[in-house]
Amino acid sequence: MLCFDKHFFSMKGYSKAIIIGTVGKEPLIRYIQKGFSKITFPVAVDETVISALGQEIVETQWHNIVTYGELSKFAEKYVHKGDIIFLEGKLQNRFEYTEEGFRFKTTDILASRLEIISRSKSGQDTPLPDDSKEEKTGSAIPGFDIDNLKLEVTKDDLPF
C-alpha cells in the first residue's frame, strides 16, 4: 500500500538523483560573483547487466555534477579524480552550442549532498577534516536554497 504525505499532492513536480560513482576528472573550478565558486566534475556509474547471450556486460553512465557555495568549497579541497563518492541532488537541464552553432540539451546533477566513500591515491594527500569519511550538504550562499531553486523556462525550451 502506498502512503503519501499531504504535501505530495500539492507539488507540481519533483526531481531527485542519488548516485554512487567514481570521479572521472579533477574538479573544474569557476569563480562567480562575490567570491562564490561553481565546481563541475564528471562521475562514472558502472552497472553490470546480463546480455541476451547470458554474458555479464559492464555499462558506464557518465553524469555531469555541479556544486555551489559550501559544497563547492568542500569539493575543491577534498574531491579528486578516482574518488568514489555518494551524491544526492536534483536534475537540471541546460542548453549548449557546438562550434557550428547547433544547439543541444545536456543534463546536470545539481548537488545538495556529497559524501566521499573511498579516496583515490591522489586524493589521499589531502586528509579529510576529521580523518574519516566526510559528508557535506547545503549551500553557504545567503538566500540560495538548492531544493527550491526555480529556473526560468520558456516555451522554446520545452521539447513538446
N, C-alpha and C. Protein backbone atom coordinates (compact mmCIF):
# COMPACT_ATOMS: atom_id res chain seq x y z
N MET A 1 0.84 -1.18 0.00
CA MET A 1 0.00 0.00 0.00
C MET A 1 0.88 1.24 0.00
N LEU A 2 0.58 2.19 -0.87
CA LEU A 2 1.33 3.43 -0.94
C LEU A 2 0.80 4.44 0.06
N CYS A 3 1.71 5.17 0.67
CA CYS A 3 1.31 6.18 1.63
C CYS A 3 1.99 7.49 1.22
N PHE A 4 1.23 8.56 1.07
CA PHE A 4 1.77 9.83 0.63
C PHE A 4 1.54 10.90 1.69
N ASP A 5 2.50 11.76 1.83
CA ASP A 5 2.38 12.92 2.70
C ASP A 5 1.37 13.86 2.09
N LYS A 6 0.67 14.64 2.90
CA LYS A 6 -0.36 15.55 2.38
C LYS A 6 0.23 16.60 1.44
N HIS A 7 1.52 16.91 1.60
CA HIS A 7 2.15 17.91 0.73
C HIS A 7 2.51 17.33 -0.64
N PHE A 8 2.53 16.00 -0.76
CA PHE A 8 2.90 15.35 -2.01
C PHE A 8 1.98 15.79 -3.15
N PHE A 9 0.68 15.86 -2.89
CA PHE A 9 -0.27 16.17 -3.93
C PHE A 9 -0.30 17.65 -4.29
N SER A 10 0.26 18.51 -3.44
CA SER A 10 0.29 19.92 -3.76
C SER A 10 1.52 20.30 -4.58
N MET A 11 2.47 19.36 -4.73
CA MET A 11 3.67 19.62 -5.50
C MET A 11 3.37 19.52 -6.99
N LYS A 12 4.01 20.37 -7.77
CA LYS A 12 3.82 20.32 -9.22
C LYS A 12 4.84 19.42 -9.89
N GLY A 13 5.88 19.07 -9.18
CA GLY A 13 6.91 18.19 -9.72
C GLY A 13 8.02 18.01 -8.72
N TYR A 14 8.82 17.00 -8.94
CA TYR A 14 9.92 16.71 -8.02
C TYR A 14 11.03 16.02 -8.79
N SER A 15 12.25 16.42 -8.55
CA SER A 15 13.39 15.84 -9.23
C SER A 15 14.45 15.52 -8.19
N LYS A 16 14.92 14.28 -8.17
CA LYS A 16 15.97 13.89 -7.24
C LYS A 16 16.83 12.83 -7.90
N ALA A 17 18.13 12.96 -7.72
CA ALA A 17 19.08 11.98 -8.23
C ALA A 17 19.97 11.55 -7.08
N ILE A 18 20.20 10.26 -6.97
CA ILE A 18 21.11 9.71 -5.98
C ILE A 18 22.04 8.76 -6.73
N ILE A 19 23.34 9.02 -6.65
CA ILE A 19 24.28 8.15 -7.35
C ILE A 19 25.49 7.83 -6.47
N ILE A 20 26.09 6.70 -6.72
CA ILE A 20 27.39 6.33 -6.15
C ILE A 20 28.27 6.02 -7.36
N GLY A 21 29.38 6.73 -7.46
CA GLY A 21 30.23 6.53 -8.63
C GLY A 21 31.64 7.05 -8.42
N THR A 22 32.41 6.99 -9.48
CA THR A 22 33.82 7.37 -9.45
C THR A 22 34.02 8.71 -10.17
N VAL A 23 34.71 9.62 -9.51
CA VAL A 23 35.01 10.93 -10.10
C VAL A 23 35.95 10.72 -11.29
N GLY A 24 35.55 11.23 -12.46
CA GLY A 24 36.29 10.98 -13.69
C GLY A 24 37.41 11.94 -14.00
N LYS A 25 37.34 13.17 -13.49
CA LYS A 25 38.37 14.19 -13.73
C LYS A 25 38.50 15.03 -12.48
N GLU A 26 39.63 15.72 -12.37
CA GLU A 26 39.77 16.68 -11.27
C GLU A 26 38.67 17.75 -11.42
N PRO A 27 38.07 18.18 -10.32
CA PRO A 27 37.01 19.19 -10.40
C PRO A 27 37.49 20.48 -11.06
N LEU A 28 36.63 21.06 -11.90
CA LEU A 28 36.90 22.32 -12.58
C LEU A 28 36.28 23.44 -11.77
N ILE A 29 37.10 24.41 -11.37
CA ILE A 29 36.65 25.49 -10.50
C ILE A 29 36.42 26.75 -11.33
N ARG A 30 35.24 27.35 -11.14
CA ARG A 30 34.93 28.65 -11.75
C ARG A 30 34.42 29.56 -10.65
N TYR A 31 35.00 30.76 -10.58
CA TYR A 31 34.54 31.70 -9.56
C TYR A 31 33.48 32.60 -10.16
N ILE A 32 32.36 32.70 -9.45
CA ILE A 32 31.26 33.56 -9.89
C ILE A 32 31.21 34.75 -8.94
N GLN A 33 30.19 35.52 -8.97
CA GLN A 33 30.12 36.79 -8.24
C GLN A 33 30.49 36.68 -6.76
N LYS A 34 31.15 37.71 -6.26
CA LYS A 34 31.49 37.89 -4.85
C LYS A 34 32.22 36.70 -4.23
N GLY A 35 33.10 36.08 -4.98
CA GLY A 35 33.92 35.02 -4.43
C GLY A 35 33.27 33.66 -4.31
N PHE A 36 32.03 33.52 -4.72
CA PHE A 36 31.39 32.22 -4.68
C PHE A 36 31.89 31.39 -5.86
N SER A 37 31.99 30.09 -5.62
CA SER A 37 32.53 29.24 -6.67
C SER A 37 31.50 28.24 -7.17
N LYS A 38 31.73 27.82 -8.41
CA LYS A 38 30.95 26.76 -9.05
C LYS A 38 31.95 25.70 -9.44
N ILE A 39 31.73 24.49 -8.98
CA ILE A 39 32.63 23.38 -9.28
C ILE A 39 31.87 22.37 -10.13
N THR A 40 32.50 21.90 -11.20
CA THR A 40 31.90 20.87 -12.03
C THR A 40 32.89 19.71 -12.18
N PHE A 41 32.34 18.51 -12.24
CA PHE A 41 33.17 17.33 -12.47
C PHE A 41 32.27 16.18 -12.93
N PRO A 42 32.83 15.27 -13.72
CA PRO A 42 32.04 14.11 -14.17
C PRO A 42 32.17 12.95 -13.18
N VAL A 43 31.09 12.18 -13.07
CA VAL A 43 31.10 10.97 -12.24
C VAL A 43 30.63 9.80 -13.10
N ALA A 44 31.37 8.69 -13.05
CA ALA A 44 31.03 7.48 -13.79
C ALA A 44 30.33 6.50 -12.85
N VAL A 45 29.22 5.94 -13.33
CA VAL A 45 28.49 4.93 -12.58
C VAL A 45 28.46 3.67 -13.43
N ASP A 46 29.07 2.61 -12.91
CA ASP A 46 29.11 1.32 -13.61
C ASP A 46 27.95 0.45 -13.16
N GLU A 47 27.33 -0.21 -14.12
CA GLU A 47 26.24 -1.13 -13.82
C GLU A 47 26.48 -2.40 -14.63
N THR A 48 26.36 -3.53 -13.96
CA THR A 48 26.54 -4.81 -14.63
C THR A 48 25.18 -5.33 -15.07
N VAL A 49 25.07 -5.65 -16.36
CA VAL A 49 23.83 -6.19 -16.92
C VAL A 49 24.15 -7.53 -17.59
N ILE A 50 23.12 -8.33 -17.75
CA ILE A 50 23.27 -9.63 -18.41
C ILE A 50 22.74 -9.50 -19.84
N SER A 51 23.58 -9.86 -20.81
CA SER A 51 23.19 -9.78 -22.22
C SER A 51 22.23 -10.92 -22.56
N ALA A 52 21.67 -10.86 -23.76
CA ALA A 52 20.76 -11.91 -24.22
C ALA A 52 21.47 -13.27 -24.31
N LEU A 53 22.80 -13.23 -24.44
CA LEU A 53 23.58 -14.47 -24.50
C LEU A 53 24.03 -14.95 -23.12
N GLY A 54 23.61 -14.24 -22.07
CA GLY A 54 23.95 -14.63 -20.71
C GLY A 54 25.29 -14.12 -20.21
N GLN A 55 25.93 -13.22 -20.98
CA GLN A 55 27.22 -12.68 -20.57
C GLN A 55 27.03 -11.42 -19.74
N GLU A 56 27.89 -11.26 -18.74
CA GLU A 56 27.87 -10.03 -17.94
C GLU A 56 28.57 -8.92 -18.72
N ILE A 57 27.91 -7.79 -18.81
CA ILE A 57 28.46 -6.63 -19.51
C ILE A 57 28.41 -5.45 -18.54
N VAL A 58 29.51 -4.72 -18.44
CA VAL A 58 29.55 -3.54 -17.59
C VAL A 58 29.24 -2.33 -18.46
N GLU A 59 28.18 -1.61 -18.11
CA GLU A 59 27.79 -0.39 -18.80
C GLU A 59 28.13 0.79 -17.90
N THR A 60 28.74 1.81 -18.48
CA THR A 60 29.12 3.00 -17.72
C THR A 60 28.28 4.19 -18.16
N GLN A 61 27.65 4.84 -17.21
CA GLN A 61 26.90 6.07 -17.45
C GLN A 61 27.71 7.22 -16.84
N TRP A 62 27.88 8.30 -17.61
CA TRP A 62 28.59 9.48 -17.12
C TRP A 62 27.58 10.56 -16.75
N HIS A 63 27.80 11.20 -15.62
CA HIS A 63 26.92 12.26 -15.14
C HIS A 63 27.75 13.52 -14.88
N ASN A 64 27.23 14.67 -15.31
CA ASN A 64 27.86 15.96 -15.04
C ASN A 64 27.37 16.45 -13.69
N ILE A 65 28.29 16.77 -12.77
CA ILE A 65 27.94 17.21 -11.44
C ILE A 65 28.28 18.70 -11.31
N VAL A 66 27.40 19.46 -10.65
CA VAL A 66 27.60 20.89 -10.41
C VAL A 66 27.39 21.15 -8.92
N THR A 67 28.32 21.88 -8.29
CA THR A 67 28.18 22.27 -6.88
C THR A 67 28.36 23.77 -6.75
N TYR A 68 27.73 24.35 -5.72
CA TYR A 68 27.85 25.77 -5.40
C TYR A 68 28.11 25.95 -3.90
N GLY A 69 28.56 27.13 -3.51
CA GLY A 69 28.66 27.51 -2.10
C GLY A 69 29.59 26.64 -1.27
N GLU A 70 29.16 26.30 -0.05
CA GLU A 70 29.96 25.49 0.87
C GLU A 70 30.30 24.14 0.28
N LEU A 71 29.34 23.56 -0.43
CA LEU A 71 29.58 22.27 -1.05
C LEU A 71 30.69 22.38 -2.09
N SER A 72 30.75 23.52 -2.76
CA SER A 72 31.80 23.78 -3.74
C SER A 72 33.17 23.88 -3.07
N LYS A 73 33.21 24.55 -1.93
CA LYS A 73 34.48 24.67 -1.19
C LYS A 73 34.96 23.30 -0.75
N PHE A 74 34.04 22.46 -0.30
CA PHE A 74 34.38 21.10 0.10
C PHE A 74 34.92 20.31 -1.09
N ALA A 75 34.21 20.38 -2.23
CA ALA A 75 34.62 19.65 -3.43
C ALA A 75 35.99 20.12 -3.92
N GLU A 76 36.23 21.42 -3.89
CA GLU A 76 37.50 21.98 -4.34
C GLU A 76 38.66 21.42 -3.52
N LYS A 77 38.45 21.29 -2.22
CA LYS A 77 39.52 20.87 -1.33
C LYS A 77 39.71 19.35 -1.25
N TYR A 78 38.60 18.58 -1.30
CA TYR A 78 38.69 17.17 -0.97
C TYR A 78 38.36 16.19 -2.09
N VAL A 79 37.65 16.61 -3.14
CA VAL A 79 37.25 15.68 -4.20
C VAL A 79 38.33 15.63 -5.28
N HIS A 80 38.74 14.40 -5.63
CA HIS A 80 39.79 14.21 -6.63
C HIS A 80 39.42 13.10 -7.60
N LYS A 81 40.04 13.13 -8.75
CA LYS A 81 39.83 12.08 -9.76
C LYS A 81 40.10 10.72 -9.13
N GLY A 82 39.18 9.78 -9.36
CA GLY A 82 39.33 8.43 -8.84
C GLY A 82 38.62 8.19 -7.51
N ASP A 83 38.22 9.25 -6.81
CA ASP A 83 37.47 9.08 -5.55
C ASP A 83 36.12 8.44 -5.85
N ILE A 84 35.65 7.60 -4.96
CA ILE A 84 34.30 7.06 -5.05
C ILE A 84 33.43 7.88 -4.11
N ILE A 85 32.34 8.44 -4.66
CA ILE A 85 31.51 9.35 -3.87
C ILE A 85 30.04 8.93 -3.90
N PHE A 86 29.34 9.34 -2.86
CA PHE A 86 27.88 9.26 -2.80
C PHE A 86 27.41 10.68 -3.03
N LEU A 87 26.44 10.85 -3.93
CA LEU A 87 25.99 12.18 -4.28
C LEU A 87 24.47 12.21 -4.37
N GLU A 88 23.89 13.27 -3.85
CA GLU A 88 22.45 13.47 -3.92
C GLU A 88 22.21 14.88 -4.46
N GLY A 89 21.22 15.02 -5.33
CA GLY A 89 20.92 16.33 -5.89
C GLY A 89 19.69 16.28 -6.76
N LYS A 90 19.54 17.30 -7.58
CA LYS A 90 18.40 17.35 -8.49
C LYS A 90 18.88 17.51 -9.91
N LEU A 91 18.06 17.05 -10.84
CA LEU A 91 18.40 17.15 -12.25
C LEU A 91 18.13 18.56 -12.76
N GLN A 92 19.02 19.03 -13.61
CA GLN A 92 18.87 20.37 -14.20
C GLN A 92 19.28 20.29 -15.66
N ASN A 93 18.40 20.69 -16.55
CA ASN A 93 18.69 20.71 -17.98
C ASN A 93 19.21 22.08 -18.37
N ARG A 94 20.11 22.10 -19.33
CA ARG A 94 20.60 23.37 -19.89
C ARG A 94 20.97 23.13 -21.35
N PHE A 95 21.13 24.22 -22.08
CA PHE A 95 21.45 24.12 -23.50
C PHE A 95 22.86 24.63 -23.75
N GLU A 96 23.54 23.96 -24.67
CA GLU A 96 24.87 24.37 -25.11
C GLU A 96 24.87 24.44 -26.63
N TYR A 97 25.91 25.05 -27.18
CA TYR A 97 26.02 25.19 -28.63
C TYR A 97 27.35 24.62 -29.10
N THR A 98 27.32 23.95 -30.23
CA THR A 98 28.55 23.44 -30.84
C THR A 98 29.26 24.60 -31.54
N GLU A 99 30.47 24.37 -32.00
CA GLU A 99 31.21 25.40 -32.74
C GLU A 99 30.48 25.79 -34.02
N GLU A 100 29.70 24.85 -34.58
CA GLU A 100 28.95 25.12 -35.80
C GLU A 100 27.63 25.85 -35.52
N GLY A 101 27.32 26.06 -34.23
CA GLY A 101 26.11 26.78 -33.88
C GLY A 101 24.89 25.91 -33.60
N PHE A 102 25.06 24.60 -33.59
CA PHE A 102 23.93 23.72 -33.30
C PHE A 102 23.67 23.69 -31.80
N ARG A 103 22.42 23.74 -31.43
CA ARG A 103 22.01 23.76 -30.03
C ARG A 103 21.69 22.33 -29.58
N PHE A 104 22.18 21.96 -28.40
CA PHE A 104 21.86 20.65 -27.85
C PHE A 104 21.63 20.77 -26.34
N LYS A 105 20.84 19.83 -25.83
CA LYS A 105 20.48 19.85 -24.42
C LYS A 105 21.38 18.89 -23.65
N THR A 106 21.78 19.30 -22.45
CA THR A 106 22.55 18.45 -21.57
C THR A 106 21.92 18.49 -20.18
N THR A 107 22.09 17.43 -19.42
CA THR A 107 21.51 17.35 -18.09
C THR A 107 22.63 17.25 -17.06
N ASP A 108 22.55 18.09 -16.03
CA ASP A 108 23.50 18.08 -14.93
C ASP A 108 22.78 17.61 -13.67
N ILE A 109 23.57 17.17 -12.69
CA ILE A 109 23.04 16.93 -11.36
C ILE A 109 23.55 18.06 -10.48
N LEU A 110 22.62 18.86 -9.98
CA LEU A 110 22.94 19.98 -9.09
C LEU A 110 23.00 19.42 -7.68
N ALA A 111 24.21 19.24 -7.16
CA ALA A 111 24.43 18.51 -5.91
C ALA A 111 23.94 19.29 -4.69
N SER A 112 23.31 18.55 -3.76
CA SER A 112 22.91 19.13 -2.48
C SER A 112 23.55 18.36 -1.33
N ARG A 113 24.10 17.18 -1.61
CA ARG A 113 24.78 16.38 -0.60
C ARG A 113 25.89 15.59 -1.28
N LEU A 114 27.03 15.52 -0.62
CA LEU A 114 28.19 14.85 -1.18
C LEU A 114 28.94 14.16 -0.05
N GLU A 115 29.25 12.88 -0.26
CA GLU A 115 30.00 12.12 0.74
C GLU A 115 31.09 11.34 0.03
N ILE A 116 32.29 11.41 0.56
CA ILE A 116 33.39 10.65 -0.02
C ILE A 116 33.39 9.27 0.64
N ILE A 117 33.26 8.24 -0.19
CA ILE A 117 33.21 6.87 0.31
C ILE A 117 34.61 6.27 0.35
N SER A 118 35.38 6.48 -0.73
CA SER A 118 36.72 5.91 -0.84
C SER A 118 37.61 6.91 -1.57
N ARG A 119 38.81 7.10 -1.06
CA ARG A 119 39.73 8.07 -1.65
C ARG A 119 40.64 7.41 -2.68
N SER A 120 40.95 8.16 -3.73
CA SER A 120 41.94 7.69 -4.71
C SER A 120 43.32 7.94 -4.13
N LYS A 121 44.33 7.41 -4.78
CA LYS A 121 45.70 7.64 -4.30
C LYS A 121 46.05 9.12 -4.32
N SER A 122 45.62 9.85 -5.37
CA SER A 122 45.93 11.28 -5.45
C SER A 122 45.17 12.07 -4.39
N GLY A 123 43.99 11.61 -4.01
CA GLY A 123 43.20 12.32 -3.01
C GLY A 123 43.67 12.09 -1.60
N GLN A 124 44.50 11.06 -1.36
CA GLN A 124 44.96 10.76 -0.01
C GLN A 124 45.99 11.75 0.49
N ASP A 125 46.50 12.62 -0.40
CA ASP A 125 47.43 13.66 0.02
C ASP A 125 46.74 14.71 0.88
N THR A 126 45.44 14.88 0.70
CA THR A 126 44.68 15.87 1.45
C THR A 126 43.80 15.14 2.47
N PRO A 127 44.19 15.17 3.76
CA PRO A 127 43.37 14.46 4.75
C PRO A 127 42.01 15.13 4.91
N LEU A 128 41.00 14.30 5.17
CA LEU A 128 39.66 14.82 5.43
C LEU A 128 39.65 15.52 6.77
N PRO A 129 38.70 16.44 7.00
CA PRO A 129 38.69 17.24 8.22
C PRO A 129 38.79 16.43 9.52
N ASP A 130 38.08 15.31 9.64
CA ASP A 130 38.14 14.53 10.88
C ASP A 130 38.77 13.16 10.65
N ASP A 131 39.53 13.02 9.54
CA ASP A 131 40.23 11.78 9.18
C ASP A 131 39.29 10.58 9.06
N SER A 132 38.05 10.83 8.69
CA SER A 132 37.10 9.76 8.41
C SER A 132 36.31 10.17 7.19
N LYS A 133 35.32 9.35 6.80
CA LYS A 133 34.53 9.77 5.64
C LYS A 133 33.78 11.04 5.99
N GLU A 134 33.72 11.95 5.08
CA GLU A 134 33.15 13.27 5.32
C GLU A 134 31.94 13.49 4.44
N GLU A 135 30.97 14.16 4.98
CA GLU A 135 29.75 14.46 4.24
C GLU A 135 29.53 15.97 4.32
N LYS A 136 29.09 16.55 3.23
CA LYS A 136 28.77 17.96 3.21
C LYS A 136 27.42 18.13 2.54
N THR A 137 26.62 19.04 3.07
CA THR A 137 25.32 19.32 2.48
C THR A 137 25.10 20.82 2.41
N GLY A 138 24.13 21.19 1.61
CA GLY A 138 23.65 22.56 1.60
C GLY A 138 24.50 23.55 0.84
N SER A 139 24.27 24.83 1.16
CA SER A 139 24.91 25.92 0.45
C SER A 139 25.14 27.08 1.39
N ALA A 140 26.22 27.83 1.18
CA ALA A 140 26.51 28.97 2.03
C ALA A 140 26.09 30.28 1.40
N ILE A 141 25.49 30.23 0.24
CA ILE A 141 25.07 31.46 -0.41
C ILE A 141 23.79 31.95 0.26
N PRO A 142 23.80 33.14 0.87
CA PRO A 142 22.61 33.62 1.55
C PRO A 142 21.42 33.67 0.60
N GLY A 143 20.31 33.11 1.03
CA GLY A 143 19.09 33.13 0.23
C GLY A 143 19.07 32.10 -0.88
N PHE A 144 20.13 31.31 -1.01
CA PHE A 144 20.18 30.30 -2.07
C PHE A 144 19.77 28.96 -1.48
N ASP A 145 18.60 28.49 -1.84
CA ASP A 145 18.08 27.21 -1.36
C ASP A 145 18.01 26.27 -2.54
N ILE A 146 18.92 25.31 -2.60
CA ILE A 146 19.03 24.43 -3.75
C ILE A 146 17.76 23.61 -3.97
N ASP A 147 17.05 23.26 -2.87
CA ASP A 147 15.85 22.44 -3.01
C ASP A 147 14.67 23.23 -3.56
N ASN A 148 14.72 24.55 -3.49
CA ASN A 148 13.64 25.37 -4.03
C ASN A 148 14.11 26.23 -5.19
N LEU A 149 15.17 25.80 -5.85
CA LEU A 149 15.71 26.53 -6.98
C LEU A 149 14.70 26.55 -8.11
N LYS A 150 14.40 27.74 -8.61
CA LYS A 150 13.46 27.87 -9.72
C LYS A 150 14.22 28.37 -10.94
N LEU A 151 14.03 27.69 -12.02
CA LEU A 151 14.67 28.06 -13.26
C LEU A 151 13.63 28.63 -14.20
N GLU A 152 14.00 29.65 -14.93
CA GLU A 152 13.08 30.24 -15.89
C GLU A 152 13.08 29.41 -17.16
N VAL A 153 11.93 28.90 -17.52
CA VAL A 153 11.80 28.07 -18.70
C VAL A 153 10.84 28.76 -19.68
N THR A 154 11.29 28.89 -20.92
CA THR A 154 10.44 29.49 -21.94
C THR A 154 9.83 28.38 -22.79
N LYS A 155 8.86 28.76 -23.61
CA LYS A 155 8.20 27.79 -24.50
C LYS A 155 9.19 27.11 -25.43
N ASP A 156 10.24 27.84 -25.84
CA ASP A 156 11.25 27.28 -26.75
C ASP A 156 12.09 26.19 -26.10
N ASP A 157 12.15 26.19 -24.76
CA ASP A 157 12.93 25.19 -24.06
C ASP A 157 12.24 23.84 -23.97
N LEU A 158 10.93 23.81 -24.13
CA LEU A 158 10.16 22.58 -23.98
C LEU A 158 10.27 21.71 -25.22
N PRO A 159 10.46 20.40 -25.03
CA PRO A 159 10.63 19.50 -26.18
C PRO A 159 9.30 19.11 -26.84
N PHE A 160 8.17 19.55 -26.32
CA PHE A 160 6.87 19.18 -26.87
C PHE A 160 6.01 20.39 -27.13
